Amino acid sequence: MTVYLLKRIYEDVEDDDGYRVLVDRLWPRGVSKERAELDEWCTDVAPSTELRTWFGHRPERFDEFAARYRVELETSGAAAKFAKRMSGKPTVTLLIAAKDPVNNHGLVLQEILKHL
C-alpha cells in the first residue's frame, strides 16, 4: 500500500520523501529543477486552469473548490490512473506550491488517493 505524503515544494528534500511528484499545473516560482529534485511532474491530477483561477486561494471558496476538484478528478479518471501508476511505490510525496496549509488542492488529492 502506498503512503501519500504532502509538502510544499519549497521545503527541504528529505530521505523519507520517497518518490517526489509535483502536482501543480504551473511550475512554482523561484524553484530550479535541480533544487526540486523531482521524480515526476504530473499536471494531470492538478486542478484545471479554470477551477484554479476561480478559486484564487480564497478560503471562503475552498469547500466549493474541493467539491468541483473531486468531480474533475473523478470525471477524468486522473486520480485513479495516478494511483495505479504509484501502486508499487511505498511512499509518494505530493508537492505543491500553495502557502495555505489548510485550503489547498494537495489535501483534497491526498485524501482521494488514500481511498483508491
N, C-alpha and C. Protein backbone atom coordinates (compact mmCIF):
# COMPACT_ATOMS: atom_id res chain seq x y z
N MET A 1 0.83 -1.18 0.00
CA MET A 1 0.00 0.00 0.00
C MET A 1 0.88 1.25 0.00
N THR A 2 0.56 2.16 -0.87
CA THR A 2 1.33 3.40 -0.99
C THR A 2 0.88 4.41 0.06
N VAL A 3 1.84 5.05 0.69
CA VAL A 3 1.58 6.14 1.63
C VAL A 3 1.81 7.44 0.87
N TYR A 4 0.83 8.32 0.92
CA TYR A 4 0.92 9.62 0.25
C TYR A 4 1.18 10.71 1.27
N LEU A 5 2.34 11.34 1.16
CA LEU A 5 2.69 12.48 2.00
C LEU A 5 2.43 13.75 1.21
N LEU A 6 2.34 14.87 1.89
CA LEU A 6 2.10 16.15 1.25
C LEU A 6 3.04 17.18 1.85
N LYS A 7 3.70 17.94 0.97
CA LYS A 7 4.54 19.03 1.46
C LYS A 7 4.70 20.09 0.40
N ARG A 8 5.12 21.25 0.84
CA ARG A 8 5.38 22.34 -0.11
C ARG A 8 6.70 22.07 -0.82
N ILE A 9 6.75 22.42 -2.07
CA ILE A 9 7.96 22.21 -2.86
C ILE A 9 9.13 23.04 -2.34
N TYR A 10 8.82 24.07 -1.58
CA TYR A 10 9.85 24.94 -1.03
C TYR A 10 10.54 24.34 0.19
N GLU A 11 10.00 23.27 0.73
CA GLU A 11 10.61 22.61 1.88
C GLU A 11 11.79 21.77 1.42
N ASP A 12 12.71 21.51 2.33
CA ASP A 12 13.89 20.71 2.01
C ASP A 12 13.51 19.29 1.63
N VAL A 13 14.30 18.71 0.75
CA VAL A 13 14.15 17.31 0.37
C VAL A 13 14.62 16.46 1.55
N GLU A 14 13.86 15.42 1.85
CA GLU A 14 14.23 14.52 2.94
C GLU A 14 14.31 13.09 2.42
N ASP A 15 15.11 12.28 3.08
CA ASP A 15 15.30 10.89 2.65
C ASP A 15 14.00 10.11 2.63
N ASP A 16 13.08 10.42 3.55
CA ASP A 16 11.84 9.65 3.63
C ASP A 16 10.73 10.20 2.70
N ASP A 17 11.07 11.12 1.80
CA ASP A 17 10.09 11.62 0.83
C ASP A 17 9.68 10.54 -0.16
N GLY A 18 10.54 9.59 -0.41
CA GLY A 18 10.22 8.57 -1.40
C GLY A 18 10.19 9.16 -2.79
N TYR A 19 9.18 8.81 -3.55
CA TYR A 19 9.00 9.27 -4.93
C TYR A 19 8.35 10.65 -4.88
N ARG A 20 9.02 11.64 -5.43
CA ARG A 20 8.58 13.04 -5.32
C ARG A 20 7.86 13.48 -6.60
N VAL A 21 6.60 13.93 -6.44
CA VAL A 21 5.79 14.32 -7.59
C VAL A 21 5.21 15.72 -7.39
N LEU A 22 5.52 16.63 -8.30
CA LEU A 22 4.90 17.94 -8.31
C LEU A 22 3.50 17.78 -8.90
N VAL A 23 2.48 18.21 -8.17
CA VAL A 23 1.10 18.04 -8.61
C VAL A 23 0.41 19.39 -8.84
N ASP A 24 1.19 20.37 -9.27
CA ASP A 24 0.66 21.68 -9.65
C ASP A 24 0.69 21.79 -11.17
N ARG A 25 -0.22 22.58 -11.70
CA ARG A 25 -0.26 22.80 -13.15
C ARG A 25 0.84 23.75 -13.61
N LEU A 26 1.21 24.70 -12.74
CA LEU A 26 2.25 25.67 -13.07
C LEU A 26 3.52 25.36 -12.29
N TRP A 27 4.67 25.64 -12.91
CA TRP A 27 5.93 25.45 -12.21
C TRP A 27 6.03 26.51 -11.11
N PRO A 28 6.43 26.12 -9.89
CA PRO A 28 6.50 27.06 -8.77
C PRO A 28 7.60 28.11 -8.95
N ARG A 29 7.27 29.32 -8.59
CA ARG A 29 8.23 30.43 -8.70
C ARG A 29 9.44 30.20 -7.83
N GLY A 30 10.59 30.54 -8.37
CA GLY A 30 11.83 30.54 -7.59
C GLY A 30 12.41 29.18 -7.29
N VAL A 31 11.90 28.13 -7.91
CA VAL A 31 12.42 26.78 -7.66
C VAL A 31 13.06 26.26 -8.94
N SER A 32 14.34 25.95 -8.87
CA SER A 32 15.01 25.37 -10.04
C SER A 32 14.66 23.88 -10.13
N LYS A 33 14.79 23.33 -11.31
CA LYS A 33 14.53 21.90 -11.47
C LYS A 33 15.50 21.08 -10.64
N GLU A 34 16.73 21.56 -10.51
CA GLU A 34 17.72 20.85 -9.70
C GLU A 34 17.32 20.85 -8.23
N ARG A 35 16.91 22.01 -7.73
CA ARG A 35 16.53 22.11 -6.31
C ARG A 35 15.28 21.28 -6.00
N ALA A 36 14.37 21.19 -6.95
CA ALA A 36 13.12 20.46 -6.74
C ALA A 36 13.35 18.97 -6.53
N GLU A 37 14.36 18.44 -7.18
CA GLU A 37 14.68 17.01 -7.09
C GLU A 37 13.43 16.15 -7.29
N LEU A 38 12.73 16.41 -8.39
CA LEU A 38 11.51 15.68 -8.70
C LEU A 38 11.79 14.34 -9.37
N ASP A 39 10.89 13.42 -9.13
CA ASP A 39 10.87 12.19 -9.91
C ASP A 39 9.87 12.34 -11.05
N GLU A 40 8.89 13.24 -10.86
CA GLU A 40 7.85 13.40 -11.86
C GLU A 40 7.11 14.72 -11.63
N TRP A 41 6.61 15.28 -12.72
CA TRP A 41 5.71 16.43 -12.65
C TRP A 41 4.42 15.98 -13.31
N CYS A 42 3.36 15.85 -12.54
CA CYS A 42 2.10 15.32 -13.05
C CYS A 42 1.02 16.41 -13.01
N THR A 43 0.82 17.06 -14.15
CA THR A 43 -0.21 18.09 -14.23
C THR A 43 -1.61 17.50 -14.38
N ASP A 44 -1.69 16.22 -14.74
CA ASP A 44 -2.99 15.57 -14.94
C ASP A 44 -3.86 15.58 -13.69
N VAL A 45 -3.23 15.54 -12.52
CA VAL A 45 -4.01 15.50 -11.27
C VAL A 45 -4.16 16.87 -10.62
N ALA A 46 -3.65 17.90 -11.28
CA ALA A 46 -3.80 19.26 -10.77
C ALA A 46 -5.17 19.82 -11.17
N PRO A 47 -5.69 20.77 -10.41
CA PRO A 47 -6.96 21.39 -10.80
C PRO A 47 -6.82 22.07 -12.16
N SER A 48 -7.92 22.12 -12.90
CA SER A 48 -7.90 22.79 -14.20
C SER A 48 -7.58 24.28 -14.01
N THR A 49 -7.10 24.89 -15.06
CA THR A 49 -6.79 26.31 -15.02
C THR A 49 -8.02 27.11 -14.63
N GLU A 50 -9.16 26.74 -15.20
CA GLU A 50 -10.41 27.46 -14.90
C GLU A 50 -10.77 27.36 -13.42
N LEU A 51 -10.66 26.17 -12.86
CA LEU A 51 -11.01 25.97 -11.45
C LEU A 51 -10.01 26.69 -10.54
N ARG A 52 -8.75 26.56 -10.86
CA ARG A 52 -7.70 27.22 -10.07
C ARG A 52 -7.90 28.73 -10.06
N THR A 53 -8.21 29.30 -11.23
CA THR A 53 -8.43 30.74 -11.35
C THR A 53 -9.66 31.16 -10.55
N TRP A 54 -10.74 30.39 -10.66
CA TRP A 54 -11.96 30.70 -9.92
C TRP A 54 -11.69 30.70 -8.41
N PHE A 55 -10.97 29.69 -7.93
CA PHE A 55 -10.69 29.56 -6.50
C PHE A 55 -9.85 30.73 -6.00
N GLY A 56 -8.79 31.05 -6.71
CA GLY A 56 -7.96 32.19 -6.34
C GLY A 56 -7.40 32.14 -4.94
N HIS A 57 -7.27 30.96 -4.35
CA HIS A 57 -6.75 30.77 -2.99
C HIS A 57 -7.57 31.54 -1.95
N ARG A 58 -8.87 31.67 -2.23
CA ARG A 58 -9.77 32.35 -1.28
C ARG A 58 -10.38 31.30 -0.36
N PRO A 59 -10.03 31.33 0.93
CA PRO A 59 -10.50 30.32 1.87
C PRO A 59 -12.01 30.12 1.89
N GLU A 60 -12.76 31.20 1.69
CA GLU A 60 -14.22 31.09 1.73
C GLU A 60 -14.76 30.28 0.55
N ARG A 61 -13.95 30.07 -0.47
CA ARG A 61 -14.37 29.27 -1.62
C ARG A 61 -13.85 27.83 -1.57
N PHE A 62 -13.13 27.49 -0.53
CA PHE A 62 -12.45 26.19 -0.53
C PHE A 62 -13.40 25.00 -0.60
N ASP A 63 -14.47 25.01 0.16
CA ASP A 63 -15.38 23.86 0.16
C ASP A 63 -15.94 23.60 -1.25
N GLU A 64 -16.37 24.67 -1.91
CA GLU A 64 -16.89 24.54 -3.27
C GLU A 64 -15.78 24.12 -4.24
N PHE A 65 -14.59 24.69 -4.06
CA PHE A 65 -13.44 24.30 -4.87
C PHE A 65 -13.16 22.81 -4.74
N ALA A 66 -13.12 22.34 -3.49
CA ALA A 66 -12.82 20.92 -3.24
C ALA A 66 -13.86 20.02 -3.90
N ALA A 67 -15.12 20.40 -3.82
CA ALA A 67 -16.18 19.60 -4.45
C ALA A 67 -16.00 19.57 -5.97
N ARG A 68 -15.73 20.72 -6.55
CA ARG A 68 -15.54 20.79 -8.01
C ARG A 68 -14.28 20.02 -8.44
N TYR A 69 -13.24 20.11 -7.65
CA TYR A 69 -11.99 19.42 -7.95
C TYR A 69 -12.18 17.90 -7.90
N ARG A 70 -12.93 17.43 -6.91
CA ARG A 70 -13.23 16.00 -6.82
C ARG A 70 -13.96 15.52 -8.08
N VAL A 71 -14.91 16.33 -8.55
CA VAL A 71 -15.65 15.99 -9.77
C VAL A 71 -14.69 15.93 -10.96
N GLU A 72 -13.80 16.91 -11.07
CA GLU A 72 -12.82 16.91 -12.16
C GLU A 72 -11.99 15.62 -12.15
N LEU A 73 -11.50 15.25 -10.98
CA LEU A 73 -10.65 14.06 -10.87
C LEU A 73 -11.43 12.79 -11.18
N GLU A 74 -12.66 12.72 -10.71
CA GLU A 74 -13.48 11.54 -10.96
C GLU A 74 -13.85 11.43 -12.44
N THR A 75 -14.26 12.54 -13.02
CA THR A 75 -14.67 12.56 -14.42
C THR A 75 -13.52 12.19 -15.36
N SER A 76 -12.34 12.74 -15.08
CA SER A 76 -11.18 12.49 -15.93
C SER A 76 -10.53 11.13 -15.66
N GLY A 77 -10.75 10.61 -14.46
CA GLY A 77 -10.09 9.37 -14.08
C GLY A 77 -8.61 9.56 -13.74
N ALA A 78 -8.17 10.81 -13.68
CA ALA A 78 -6.75 11.11 -13.48
C ALA A 78 -6.21 10.58 -12.14
N ALA A 79 -6.98 10.73 -11.07
CA ALA A 79 -6.50 10.26 -9.76
C ALA A 79 -6.36 8.75 -9.74
N ALA A 80 -7.33 8.05 -10.32
CA ALA A 80 -7.27 6.59 -10.36
C ALA A 80 -6.08 6.11 -11.19
N LYS A 81 -5.84 6.75 -12.32
CA LYS A 81 -4.69 6.39 -13.16
C LYS A 81 -3.38 6.66 -12.43
N PHE A 82 -3.32 7.78 -11.74
CA PHE A 82 -2.14 8.14 -10.97
C PHE A 82 -1.89 7.12 -9.87
N ALA A 83 -2.93 6.78 -9.12
CA ALA A 83 -2.79 5.80 -8.03
C ALA A 83 -2.32 4.45 -8.57
N LYS A 84 -2.81 4.07 -9.71
CA LYS A 84 -2.39 2.80 -10.31
C LYS A 84 -0.90 2.83 -10.65
N ARG A 85 -0.44 3.95 -11.22
CA ARG A 85 0.98 4.08 -11.56
C ARG A 85 1.86 4.11 -10.32
N MET A 86 1.36 4.63 -9.22
CA MET A 86 2.14 4.76 -7.99
C MET A 86 2.06 3.51 -7.11
N SER A 87 1.25 2.56 -7.47
CA SER A 87 0.94 1.42 -6.59
C SER A 87 2.16 0.63 -6.13
N GLY A 88 3.22 0.59 -6.88
CA GLY A 88 4.40 -0.16 -6.46
C GLY A 88 5.37 0.62 -5.59
N LYS A 89 5.07 1.87 -5.35
CA LYS A 89 5.97 2.74 -4.58
C LYS A 89 5.48 2.82 -3.14
N PRO A 90 6.37 2.56 -2.18
CA PRO A 90 5.93 2.59 -0.78
C PRO A 90 5.53 3.99 -0.30
N THR A 91 6.27 5.02 -0.73
CA THR A 91 5.98 6.38 -0.30
C THR A 91 6.02 7.31 -1.51
N VAL A 92 4.98 8.13 -1.63
CA VAL A 92 4.92 9.15 -2.67
C VAL A 92 4.66 10.48 -1.97
N THR A 93 5.52 11.46 -2.23
CA THR A 93 5.31 12.78 -1.67
C THR A 93 4.73 13.68 -2.75
N LEU A 94 3.53 14.18 -2.48
CA LEU A 94 2.85 15.11 -3.37
C LEU A 94 3.35 16.51 -3.03
N LEU A 95 3.90 17.19 -4.02
CA LEU A 95 4.49 18.51 -3.81
C LEU A 95 3.60 19.59 -4.40
N ILE A 96 3.35 20.62 -3.60
CA ILE A 96 2.52 21.74 -4.03
C ILE A 96 3.25 23.04 -3.70
N ALA A 97 2.82 24.12 -4.34
CA ALA A 97 3.40 25.44 -4.06
C ALA A 97 2.53 26.27 -3.13
N ALA A 98 1.27 25.90 -2.95
CA ALA A 98 0.32 26.70 -2.16
C ALA A 98 0.86 27.00 -0.76
N LYS A 99 0.62 28.23 -0.32
CA LYS A 99 1.06 28.67 1.01
C LYS A 99 0.12 28.23 2.12
N ASP A 100 -1.17 28.16 1.82
CA ASP A 100 -2.18 27.86 2.83
C ASP A 100 -2.15 26.37 3.17
N PRO A 101 -1.82 26.02 4.43
CA PRO A 101 -1.71 24.61 4.80
C PRO A 101 -3.06 23.90 4.97
N VAL A 102 -4.16 24.66 4.96
CA VAL A 102 -5.48 24.10 5.21
C VAL A 102 -6.37 24.08 3.98
N ASN A 103 -6.23 25.06 3.12
CA ASN A 103 -7.10 25.22 1.96
C ASN A 103 -6.31 25.09 0.67
N ASN A 104 -5.96 23.86 0.32
CA ASN A 104 -5.20 23.66 -0.91
C ASN A 104 -5.58 22.34 -1.57
N HIS A 105 -5.33 22.27 -2.86
CA HIS A 105 -5.73 21.09 -3.64
C HIS A 105 -4.96 19.83 -3.24
N GLY A 106 -3.76 20.00 -2.70
CA GLY A 106 -2.97 18.85 -2.29
C GLY A 106 -3.67 18.00 -1.24
N LEU A 107 -4.33 18.66 -0.30
CA LEU A 107 -5.08 17.94 0.74
C LEU A 107 -6.22 17.13 0.16
N VAL A 108 -6.91 17.73 -0.81
CA VAL A 108 -8.02 17.04 -1.47
C VAL A 108 -7.50 15.83 -2.23
N LEU A 109 -6.45 16.03 -3.00
CA LEU A 109 -5.87 14.94 -3.78
C LEU A 109 -5.35 13.82 -2.87
N GLN A 110 -4.66 14.19 -1.81
CA GLN A 110 -4.13 13.21 -0.87
C GLN A 110 -5.26 12.36 -0.29
N GLU A 111 -6.35 12.99 0.09
CA GLU A 111 -7.49 12.26 0.66
C GLU A 111 -8.09 11.30 -0.36
N ILE A 112 -8.24 11.74 -1.58
CA ILE A 112 -8.78 10.87 -2.63
C ILE A 112 -7.87 9.67 -2.86
N LEU A 113 -6.58 9.93 -2.95
CA LEU A 113 -5.63 8.84 -3.23
C LEU A 113 -5.60 7.80 -2.09
N LYS A 114 -5.81 8.23 -0.88
CA LYS A 114 -5.84 7.32 0.27
C LYS A 114 -6.96 6.29 0.13
N HIS A 115 -8.01 6.64 -0.60
CA HIS A 115 -9.17 5.76 -0.71
C HIS A 115 -9.26 5.02 -2.04
N LEU A 116 -8.22 5.12 -2.83
CA LEU A 116 -8.22 4.40 -4.11
C LEU A 116 -7.41 3.12 -4.01
